[in-house]
Amino acid sequence: MRSIIVPILFFTLQVFSQNTISHPISSTPPKVTIEAVSFMQGHWRGEAFGGITEEIWAPPLGGSMMFCFKLVVNGNVSFYELGHIRELDGSLIYELKHFNADMTAWEEKEEVQQFKLVKVEKDKVFFEGFTFERVGENEVVIYALIDGEKDKPKEVTFNFKRL
């Protein structure tokens, strides 16, 4: 019995120690509109990955919010992301593509990274592997699960201030 409880307890502590969550296969995404993430609109700057991060989010329009992201390390663009959060089937989906500094894509031409909505709380919106949090009128935090060492996911925090 103990051999079963210890792994379950360890897994539970790992899940609750993170700010990101996954979408249970059997559950239905919450019903919300794009207004749930409207707090993201604006021009934001922060630091991560040893450089300066910048995101620009357009206001909601047409059931979506588009964004662009760039990472600048040692004065040079490291990579970009382009994407949006859009309404889909009464819920939201977060979609993006990555690009090198010369705009060559990381993903194949038809491939898009997609993250379904998991849940919405006051000032927090959870997608599969991403959480958007409003800390204040001029500060947001994005938590992202990325590939870590030995393919073990690692949570990265992007703390942004409004420009």
N, C-alpha and C. Protein backbone atom coordinates (compact mmCIF):
# COMPACT_ATOMS: atom_id res chain seq x y z
N MET A 1 0.82 -1.19 0.00
CA MET A 1 0.00 0.00 0.00
C MET A 1 0.87 1.26 0.00
N ARG A 2 1.91 1.26 0.85
CA ARG A 2 2.80 2.41 0.94
C ARG A 2 3.46 2.68 -0.41
N SER A 3 3.81 1.62 -1.15
CA SER A 3 4.47 1.80 -2.45
C SER A 3 3.55 2.50 -3.45
N ILE A 4 2.25 2.44 -3.25
CA ILE A 4 1.31 3.14 -4.12
C ILE A 4 1.11 4.57 -3.65
N ILE A 5 0.99 4.78 -2.35
CA ILE A 5 0.72 6.11 -1.79
C ILE A 5 1.87 7.08 -2.01
N VAL A 6 3.10 6.65 -1.82
CA VAL A 6 4.25 7.55 -1.96
C VAL A 6 4.34 8.15 -3.37
N PRO A 7 4.25 7.36 -4.45
CA PRO A 7 4.28 7.98 -5.79
C PRO A 7 3.11 8.92 -6.04
N ILE A 8 1.92 8.54 -5.54
CA ILE A 8 0.76 9.40 -5.73
C ILE A 8 0.97 10.72 -5.00
N LEU A 9 1.45 10.68 -3.76
CA LEU A 9 1.72 11.89 -2.99
C LEU A 9 2.77 12.75 -3.69
N PHE A 10 3.85 12.13 -4.18
CA PHE A 10 4.90 12.87 -4.88
C PHE A 10 4.34 13.55 -6.11
N PHE A 11 3.53 12.81 -6.91
CA PHE A 11 2.95 13.39 -8.12
C PHE A 11 2.02 14.54 -7.76
N THR A 12 1.21 14.37 -6.73
CA THR A 12 0.27 15.41 -6.31
C THR A 12 1.02 16.66 -5.89
N LEU A 13 2.09 16.53 -5.15
CA LEU A 13 2.87 17.69 -4.72
C LEU A 13 3.49 18.40 -5.92
N GLN A 14 3.95 17.63 -6.91
CA GLN A 14 4.51 18.24 -8.12
C GLN A 14 3.45 19.06 -8.84
N VAL A 15 2.26 18.51 -8.99
CA VAL A 15 1.20 19.20 -9.71
C VAL A 15 0.83 20.50 -9.00
N PHE A 16 0.70 20.46 -7.67
CA PHE A 16 0.29 21.64 -6.94
C PHE A 16 1.42 22.64 -6.72
N SER A 17 2.65 22.27 -6.99
CA SER A 17 3.76 23.20 -6.82
C SER A 17 3.96 24.05 -8.08
N GLN A 18 3.25 23.74 -9.13
CA GLN A 18 3.38 24.46 -10.38
C GLN A 18 2.20 25.41 -10.57
N ASN A 19 2.37 26.36 -11.48
CA ASN A 19 1.31 27.29 -11.84
C ASN A 19 0.62 26.90 -13.12
N THR A 20 1.10 25.84 -13.75
CA THR A 20 0.50 25.36 -15.00
C THR A 20 -0.20 24.03 -14.72
N ILE A 21 -1.24 23.76 -15.49
CA ILE A 21 -1.98 22.50 -15.34
C ILE A 21 -2.27 21.93 -16.71
N SER A 22 -2.68 20.67 -16.73
CA SER A 22 -3.04 20.01 -17.97
C SER A 22 -4.54 19.82 -18.04
N HIS A 23 -5.02 19.61 -19.23
CA HIS A 23 -6.44 19.41 -19.47
C HIS A 23 -6.78 17.94 -19.35
N PRO A 24 -7.64 17.58 -18.39
CA PRO A 24 -8.05 16.18 -18.31
C PRO A 24 -8.72 15.74 -19.61
N ILE A 25 -8.40 14.57 -20.10
CA ILE A 25 -8.90 14.08 -21.38
C ILE A 25 -10.42 14.04 -21.41
N SER A 26 -11.05 13.68 -20.31
CA SER A 26 -12.50 13.49 -20.31
C SER A 26 -13.30 14.77 -20.04
N SER A 27 -12.66 15.87 -19.70
CA SER A 27 -13.43 17.06 -19.35
C SER A 27 -13.65 17.98 -20.55
N THR A 28 -14.63 18.84 -20.42
CA THR A 28 -14.98 19.79 -21.46
C THR A 28 -14.40 21.16 -21.11
N PRO A 29 -13.81 21.87 -22.07
CA PRO A 29 -13.26 23.20 -21.77
C PRO A 29 -14.36 24.14 -21.29
N PRO A 30 -14.02 25.08 -20.39
CA PRO A 30 -15.02 26.03 -19.89
C PRO A 30 -15.57 26.91 -21.01
N LYS A 31 -16.81 27.32 -20.86
CA LYS A 31 -17.46 28.20 -21.83
C LYS A 31 -17.16 29.65 -21.44
N VAL A 32 -16.37 30.33 -22.25
CA VAL A 32 -16.03 31.74 -22.04
C VAL A 32 -15.81 32.41 -23.39
N THR A 33 -15.71 33.73 -23.37
CA THR A 33 -15.41 34.50 -24.58
C THR A 33 -14.00 35.06 -24.46
N ILE A 34 -13.58 35.71 -25.51
CA ILE A 34 -12.24 36.30 -25.56
C ILE A 34 -12.04 37.36 -24.47
N GLU A 35 -13.12 37.90 -23.95
CA GLU A 35 -13.02 38.91 -22.88
C GLU A 35 -12.30 38.36 -21.65
N ALA A 36 -12.28 37.04 -21.46
CA ALA A 36 -11.61 36.44 -20.31
C ALA A 36 -10.12 36.73 -20.28
N VAL A 37 -9.53 37.00 -21.45
CA VAL A 37 -8.09 37.30 -21.52
C VAL A 37 -7.81 38.72 -21.99
N SER A 38 -8.84 39.57 -21.99
CA SER A 38 -8.65 40.94 -22.49
C SER A 38 -7.63 41.73 -21.67
N PHE A 39 -7.36 41.31 -20.43
CA PHE A 39 -6.35 41.98 -19.60
C PHE A 39 -4.95 41.88 -20.21
N MET A 40 -4.75 40.99 -21.18
CA MET A 40 -3.43 40.84 -21.81
C MET A 40 -3.14 41.94 -22.84
N GLN A 41 -4.17 42.67 -23.30
CA GLN A 41 -3.90 43.67 -24.33
C GLN A 41 -2.89 44.70 -23.83
N GLY A 42 -2.00 45.08 -24.73
CA GLY A 42 -0.99 46.07 -24.39
C GLY A 42 0.39 45.65 -24.85
N HIS A 43 1.35 46.49 -24.48
CA HIS A 43 2.77 46.31 -24.82
C HIS A 43 3.49 45.99 -23.52
N TRP A 44 4.13 44.83 -23.47
CA TRP A 44 4.72 44.30 -22.24
C TRP A 44 6.21 43.99 -22.43
N ARG A 45 6.99 44.16 -21.36
CA ARG A 45 8.42 43.83 -21.42
C ARG A 45 8.85 43.17 -20.11
N GLY A 46 9.79 42.22 -20.22
CA GLY A 46 10.32 41.53 -19.05
C GLY A 46 11.67 40.91 -19.36
N GLU A 47 12.07 39.97 -18.52
CA GLU A 47 13.34 39.27 -18.70
C GLU A 47 13.13 37.78 -18.51
N ALA A 48 13.78 36.99 -19.37
CA ALA A 48 13.77 35.52 -19.27
C ALA A 48 14.81 34.98 -20.24
N PHE A 49 15.22 33.76 -20.04
CA PHE A 49 16.18 33.09 -20.91
C PHE A 49 17.45 33.91 -21.12
N GLY A 50 17.86 34.68 -20.13
CA GLY A 50 19.08 35.46 -20.23
C GLY A 50 18.97 36.69 -21.12
N GLY A 51 17.76 37.16 -21.36
CA GLY A 51 17.59 38.32 -22.23
C GLY A 51 16.34 39.11 -21.91
N ILE A 52 15.99 39.98 -22.83
CA ILE A 52 14.81 40.83 -22.70
C ILE A 52 13.68 40.20 -23.51
N THR A 53 12.51 40.09 -22.89
CA THR A 53 11.34 39.55 -23.57
C THR A 53 10.35 40.68 -23.79
N GLU A 54 9.67 40.61 -24.92
CA GLU A 54 8.68 41.62 -25.26
C GLU A 54 7.47 40.95 -25.89
N GLU A 55 6.27 41.36 -25.45
CA GLU A 55 5.04 40.87 -26.05
C GLU A 55 4.13 42.06 -26.32
N ILE A 56 3.45 41.98 -27.44
CA ILE A 56 2.45 42.99 -27.80
C ILE A 56 1.17 42.24 -28.12
N TRP A 57 0.09 42.56 -27.38
CA TRP A 57 -1.21 41.93 -27.55
C TRP A 57 -2.20 42.96 -28.04
N ALA A 58 -2.86 42.67 -29.16
CA ALA A 58 -3.91 43.54 -29.69
C ALA A 58 -5.19 43.36 -28.86
N PRO A 59 -6.04 44.37 -28.84
CA PRO A 59 -7.32 44.23 -28.13
C PRO A 59 -8.20 43.17 -28.80
N PRO A 60 -9.18 42.64 -28.06
CA PRO A 60 -10.11 41.67 -28.66
C PRO A 60 -10.82 42.26 -29.88
N LEU A 61 -10.87 41.47 -30.94
CA LEU A 61 -11.58 41.88 -32.15
C LEU A 61 -11.87 40.62 -32.96
N GLY A 62 -13.09 40.44 -33.37
CA GLY A 62 -13.44 39.28 -34.18
C GLY A 62 -13.30 37.96 -33.45
N GLY A 63 -13.47 37.97 -32.14
CA GLY A 63 -13.37 36.73 -31.37
C GLY A 63 -11.96 36.24 -31.15
N SER A 64 -10.97 37.14 -31.30
CA SER A 64 -9.58 36.72 -31.07
C SER A 64 -8.73 37.90 -30.59
N MET A 65 -7.58 37.55 -30.05
CA MET A 65 -6.54 38.53 -29.69
C MET A 65 -5.24 38.01 -30.27
N MET A 66 -4.61 38.79 -31.15
CA MET A 66 -3.34 38.35 -31.74
C MET A 66 -2.19 38.94 -30.92
N PHE A 67 -1.05 38.25 -31.00
CA PHE A 67 0.13 38.72 -30.28
C PHE A 67 1.40 38.44 -31.05
N CYS A 68 2.45 39.17 -30.68
CA CYS A 68 3.80 38.85 -31.15
C CYS A 68 4.71 38.91 -29.93
N PHE A 69 5.73 38.06 -29.94
CA PHE A 69 6.70 37.93 -28.86
C PHE A 69 8.08 37.93 -29.47
N LYS A 70 9.05 38.52 -28.77
CA LYS A 70 10.44 38.34 -29.19
C LYS A 70 11.34 38.27 -27.98
N LEU A 71 12.41 37.51 -28.15
CA LEU A 71 13.46 37.40 -27.14
C LEU A 71 14.72 38.00 -27.73
N VAL A 72 15.31 38.97 -26.99
CA VAL A 72 16.55 39.61 -27.40
C VAL A 72 17.63 39.27 -26.37
N VAL A 73 18.71 38.63 -26.84
CA VAL A 73 19.82 38.24 -25.97
C VAL A 73 21.09 38.91 -26.50
N ASN A 74 21.80 39.62 -25.65
CA ASN A 74 23.03 40.32 -26.04
C ASN A 74 22.82 41.23 -27.25
N GLY A 75 21.68 41.90 -27.27
CA GLY A 75 21.40 42.86 -28.33
C GLY A 75 20.92 42.27 -29.65
N ASN A 76 20.74 40.95 -29.70
CA ASN A 76 20.29 40.30 -30.93
C ASN A 76 19.01 39.51 -30.70
N VAL A 77 18.13 39.51 -31.70
CA VAL A 77 16.91 38.72 -31.61
C VAL A 77 17.28 37.25 -31.61
N SER A 78 16.77 36.52 -30.63
CA SER A 78 16.99 35.09 -30.55
C SER A 78 15.88 34.34 -31.29
N PHE A 79 14.62 34.70 -31.00
CA PHE A 79 13.50 34.12 -31.73
C PHE A 79 12.25 34.96 -31.54
N TYR A 80 11.24 34.64 -32.37
CA TYR A 80 9.92 35.28 -32.30
C TYR A 80 8.86 34.21 -32.11
N GLU A 81 7.71 34.64 -31.60
CA GLU A 81 6.49 33.84 -31.63
C GLU A 81 5.39 34.75 -32.17
N LEU A 82 4.55 34.19 -32.99
CA LEU A 82 3.37 34.88 -33.47
C LEU A 82 2.18 33.98 -33.17
N GLY A 83 1.07 34.58 -32.77
CA GLY A 83 -0.07 33.74 -32.48
C GLY A 83 -1.29 34.52 -32.05
N HIS A 84 -2.20 33.78 -31.46
CA HIS A 84 -3.44 34.39 -30.99
C HIS A 84 -4.11 33.48 -29.97
N ILE A 85 -5.06 34.07 -29.27
CA ILE A 85 -6.04 33.31 -28.50
C ILE A 85 -7.35 33.59 -29.22
N ARG A 86 -8.09 32.54 -29.53
CA ARG A 86 -9.34 32.74 -30.28
C ARG A 86 -10.46 31.90 -29.68
N GLU A 87 -11.66 32.37 -29.94
CA GLU A 87 -12.84 31.63 -29.52
C GLU A 87 -13.01 30.43 -30.44
N LEU A 88 -13.33 29.29 -29.84
CA LEU A 88 -13.55 28.07 -30.61
C LEU A 88 -14.56 27.21 -29.86
N ASP A 89 -15.68 26.94 -30.49
CA ASP A 89 -16.72 26.07 -29.92
C ASP A 89 -17.16 26.52 -28.52
N GLY A 90 -17.31 27.83 -28.34
CA GLY A 90 -17.78 28.37 -27.07
C GLY A 90 -16.73 28.47 -26.00
N SER A 91 -15.47 28.16 -26.31
CA SER A 91 -14.36 28.25 -25.37
C SER A 91 -13.22 29.01 -26.03
N LEU A 92 -12.01 28.84 -25.52
CA LEU A 92 -10.84 29.51 -26.09
C LEU A 92 -9.76 28.49 -26.40
N ILE A 93 -8.92 28.83 -27.38
CA ILE A 93 -7.73 28.05 -27.68
C ILE A 93 -6.58 29.02 -27.92
N TYR A 94 -5.40 28.67 -27.41
CA TYR A 94 -4.18 29.47 -27.55
C TYR A 94 -3.34 28.79 -28.62
N GLU A 95 -3.00 29.53 -29.69
CA GLU A 95 -2.26 28.94 -30.81
C GLU A 95 -1.07 29.83 -31.15
N LEU A 96 0.06 29.19 -31.49
CA LEU A 96 1.25 29.98 -31.82
C LEU A 96 2.20 29.21 -32.72
N LYS A 97 3.10 29.98 -33.33
CA LYS A 97 4.19 29.44 -34.14
C LYS A 97 5.47 30.17 -33.74
N HIS A 98 6.59 29.47 -33.81
CA HIS A 98 7.91 30.03 -33.49
C HIS A 98 8.70 30.31 -34.76
N PHE A 99 9.54 31.35 -34.69
CA PHE A 99 10.38 31.73 -35.83
C PHE A 99 11.77 32.13 -35.34
N ASN A 100 12.78 31.77 -36.12
CA ASN A 100 14.14 32.24 -35.87
C ASN A 100 14.22 33.73 -36.16
N ALA A 101 15.35 34.35 -35.87
CA ALA A 101 15.53 35.78 -36.10
C ALA A 101 15.34 36.16 -37.57
N ASP A 102 15.63 35.24 -38.49
CA ASP A 102 15.46 35.51 -39.92
C ASP A 102 14.06 35.14 -40.42
N MET A 103 13.14 34.85 -39.50
CA MET A 103 11.74 34.50 -39.77
C MET A 103 11.55 33.12 -40.40
N THR A 104 12.56 32.26 -40.36
CA THR A 104 12.34 30.87 -40.75
C THR A 104 11.62 30.17 -39.60
N ALA A 105 10.62 29.39 -39.95
CA ALA A 105 9.75 28.77 -38.95
C ALA A 105 10.39 27.56 -38.28
N TRP A 106 10.07 27.38 -37.01
CA TRP A 106 10.47 26.17 -36.29
C TRP A 106 9.53 25.02 -36.65
N GLU A 107 8.24 25.32 -36.70
CA GLU A 107 7.24 24.31 -37.01
C GLU A 107 7.12 24.17 -38.53
N GLU A 108 6.59 23.04 -38.96
CA GLU A 108 6.31 22.84 -40.38
C GLU A 108 5.26 23.86 -40.82
N LYS A 109 5.16 24.06 -42.14
CA LYS A 109 4.26 25.07 -42.71
C LYS A 109 2.84 24.97 -42.17
N GLU A 110 2.26 23.81 -42.11
CA GLU A 110 0.87 23.63 -41.68
C GLU A 110 0.73 23.39 -40.17
N GLU A 111 1.85 23.27 -39.47
CA GLU A 111 1.81 22.95 -38.04
C GLU A 111 1.64 24.20 -37.18
N VAL A 112 0.76 24.12 -36.20
CA VAL A 112 0.53 25.19 -35.23
C VAL A 112 0.51 24.56 -33.84
N GLN A 113 1.20 25.17 -32.89
CA GLN A 113 1.14 24.71 -31.51
C GLN A 113 -0.20 25.14 -30.94
N GLN A 114 -0.97 24.20 -30.37
CA GLN A 114 -2.30 24.49 -29.84
C GLN A 114 -2.40 24.07 -28.38
N PHE A 115 -3.06 24.94 -27.59
CA PHE A 115 -3.20 24.71 -26.16
C PHE A 115 -4.65 25.03 -25.77
N LYS A 116 -5.39 24.00 -25.37
CA LYS A 116 -6.80 24.17 -25.02
C LYS A 116 -6.95 24.84 -23.66
N LEU A 117 -8.06 25.53 -23.51
CA LEU A 117 -8.40 26.16 -22.24
C LEU A 117 -8.75 25.09 -21.22
N VAL A 118 -8.20 25.23 -20.01
CA VAL A 118 -8.46 24.28 -18.94
C VAL A 118 -9.46 24.86 -17.93
N LYS A 119 -9.16 26.08 -17.44
CA LYS A 119 -10.08 26.72 -16.52
C LYS A 119 -9.80 28.21 -16.43
N VAL A 120 -10.78 28.93 -15.90
CA VAL A 120 -10.67 30.38 -15.74
C VAL A 120 -10.99 30.73 -14.29
N GLU A 121 -10.14 31.54 -13.68
CA GLU A 121 -10.36 32.07 -12.34
C GLU A 121 -10.26 33.59 -12.44
N LYS A 122 -10.59 34.26 -11.35
CA LYS A 122 -10.43 35.71 -11.33
C LYS A 122 -8.94 36.03 -11.53
N ASP A 123 -8.64 36.78 -12.56
CA ASP A 123 -7.28 37.22 -12.88
C ASP A 123 -6.32 36.10 -13.29
N LYS A 124 -6.82 34.89 -13.60
CA LYS A 124 -5.97 33.79 -14.06
C LYS A 124 -6.71 32.97 -15.10
N VAL A 125 -6.01 32.70 -16.21
CA VAL A 125 -6.58 31.86 -17.26
C VAL A 125 -5.58 30.74 -17.53
N PHE A 126 -6.04 29.50 -17.41
CA PHE A 126 -5.20 28.32 -17.54
C PHE A 126 -5.45 27.62 -18.87
N PHE A 127 -4.39 27.50 -19.67
CA PHE A 127 -4.41 26.68 -20.87
C PHE A 127 -3.53 25.46 -20.58
N GLU A 128 -3.56 24.46 -21.44
CA GLU A 128 -2.69 23.29 -21.26
C GLU A 128 -1.24 23.75 -21.31
N GLY A 129 -0.55 23.75 -20.18
CA GLY A 129 0.86 24.11 -20.14
C GLY A 129 1.17 25.59 -20.11
N PHE A 130 0.15 26.45 -20.08
CA PHE A 130 0.36 27.90 -20.01
C PHE A 130 -0.67 28.50 -19.05
N THR A 131 -0.22 29.45 -18.25
CA THR A 131 -1.14 30.20 -17.40
C THR A 131 -0.86 31.68 -17.57
N PHE A 132 -1.92 32.45 -17.78
CA PHE A 132 -1.86 33.90 -17.89
C PHE A 132 -2.45 34.48 -16.62
N GLU A 133 -1.67 35.33 -15.92
CA GLU A 133 -2.13 35.89 -14.66
C GLU A 133 -1.99 37.41 -14.67
N ARG A 134 -3.09 38.08 -14.30
CA ARG A 134 -3.03 39.53 -14.12
C ARG A 134 -2.63 39.77 -12.67
N VAL A 135 -1.47 40.43 -12.48
CA VAL A 135 -0.97 40.74 -11.14
C VAL A 135 -1.47 42.12 -10.73
N GLY A 136 -1.59 43.00 -11.69
CA GLY A 136 -2.07 44.35 -11.47
C GLY A 136 -2.34 44.99 -12.82
N GLU A 137 -2.75 46.24 -12.81
CA GLU A 137 -3.07 46.93 -14.06
C GLU A 137 -1.88 46.98 -15.00
N ASN A 138 -0.67 47.02 -14.44
CA ASN A 138 0.54 47.18 -15.26
C ASN A 138 1.51 46.01 -15.15
N GLU A 139 1.01 44.86 -14.74
CA GLU A 139 1.88 43.69 -14.61
C GLU A 139 1.09 42.41 -14.87
N VAL A 140 1.67 41.54 -15.70
CA VAL A 140 1.12 40.21 -15.95
C VAL A 140 2.25 39.20 -15.86
N VAL A 141 1.88 37.97 -15.56
CA VAL A 141 2.84 36.88 -15.51
C VAL A 141 2.30 35.76 -16.39
N ILE A 142 3.18 35.19 -17.19
CA ILE A 142 2.84 34.01 -17.98
C ILE A 142 3.75 32.89 -17.50
N TYR A 143 3.13 31.77 -17.13
CA TYR A 143 3.87 30.57 -16.75
C TYR A 143 3.76 29.61 -17.92
N ALA A 144 4.90 29.03 -18.32
CA ALA A 144 4.91 28.14 -19.49
C ALA A 144 5.69 26.87 -19.18
N LEU A 145 5.14 25.74 -19.57
CA LEU A 145 5.87 24.48 -19.48
C LEU A 145 6.67 24.30 -20.76
N ILE A 146 7.97 24.13 -20.63
CA ILE A 146 8.83 23.92 -21.79
C ILE A 146 9.64 22.64 -21.57
N ASP A 147 10.25 22.15 -22.63
CA ASP A 147 11.11 20.98 -22.49
C ASP A 147 12.32 21.33 -21.65
N GLY A 148 12.57 20.53 -20.63
CA GLY A 148 13.73 20.72 -19.78
C GLY A 148 14.77 19.66 -20.05
N GLU A 149 15.66 19.48 -19.09
CA GLU A 149 16.69 18.45 -19.23
C GLU A 149 16.06 17.07 -19.24
N LYS A 150 16.62 16.19 -20.05
CA LYS A 150 16.17 14.82 -20.19
C LYS A 150 14.68 14.76 -20.51
N ASP A 151 14.20 15.71 -21.34
CA ASP A 151 12.80 15.77 -21.79
C ASP A 151 11.80 15.88 -20.64
N LYS A 152 12.27 16.31 -19.47
CA LYS A 152 11.37 16.53 -18.34
C LYS A 152 10.87 17.97 -18.42
N PRO A 153 9.54 18.18 -18.48
CA PRO A 153 9.01 19.55 -18.58
C PRO A 153 9.46 20.43 -17.41
N LYS A 154 9.71 21.69 -17.74
CA LYS A 154 10.17 22.66 -16.76
C LYS A 154 9.29 23.90 -16.88
N GLU A 155 8.88 24.45 -15.75
CA GLU A 155 8.04 25.64 -15.78
C GLU A 155 8.91 26.90 -15.78
N VAL A 156 8.64 27.78 -16.72
CA VAL A 156 9.36 29.05 -16.85
C VAL A 156 8.38 30.18 -16.56
N THR A 157 8.84 31.19 -15.84
CA THR A 157 8.01 32.34 -15.49
C THR A 157 8.44 33.55 -16.30
N PHE A 158 7.46 34.17 -16.96
CA PHE A 158 7.68 35.42 -17.71
C PHE A 158 6.92 36.51 -16.96
N ASN A 159 7.66 37.39 -16.31
CA ASN A 159 7.02 38.49 -15.59
C ASN A 159 7.13 39.73 -16.46
N PHE A 160 5.99 40.27 -16.87
CA PHE A 160 5.95 41.40 -17.78
C PHE A 160 5.41 42.65 -17.11
N LYS A 161 6.02 43.78 -17.44
CA LYS A 161 5.53 45.09 -17.01
C LYS A 161 5.04 45.83 -18.25
N ARG A 162 3.97 46.59 -18.08
CA ARG A 162 3.39 47.38 -19.19
C ARG A 162 4.33 48.52 -19.55
N LEU A 163 4.54 48.72 -20.85
CA LEU A 163 5.35 49.86 -21.33
C LEU A 163 4.45 51.06 -21.53
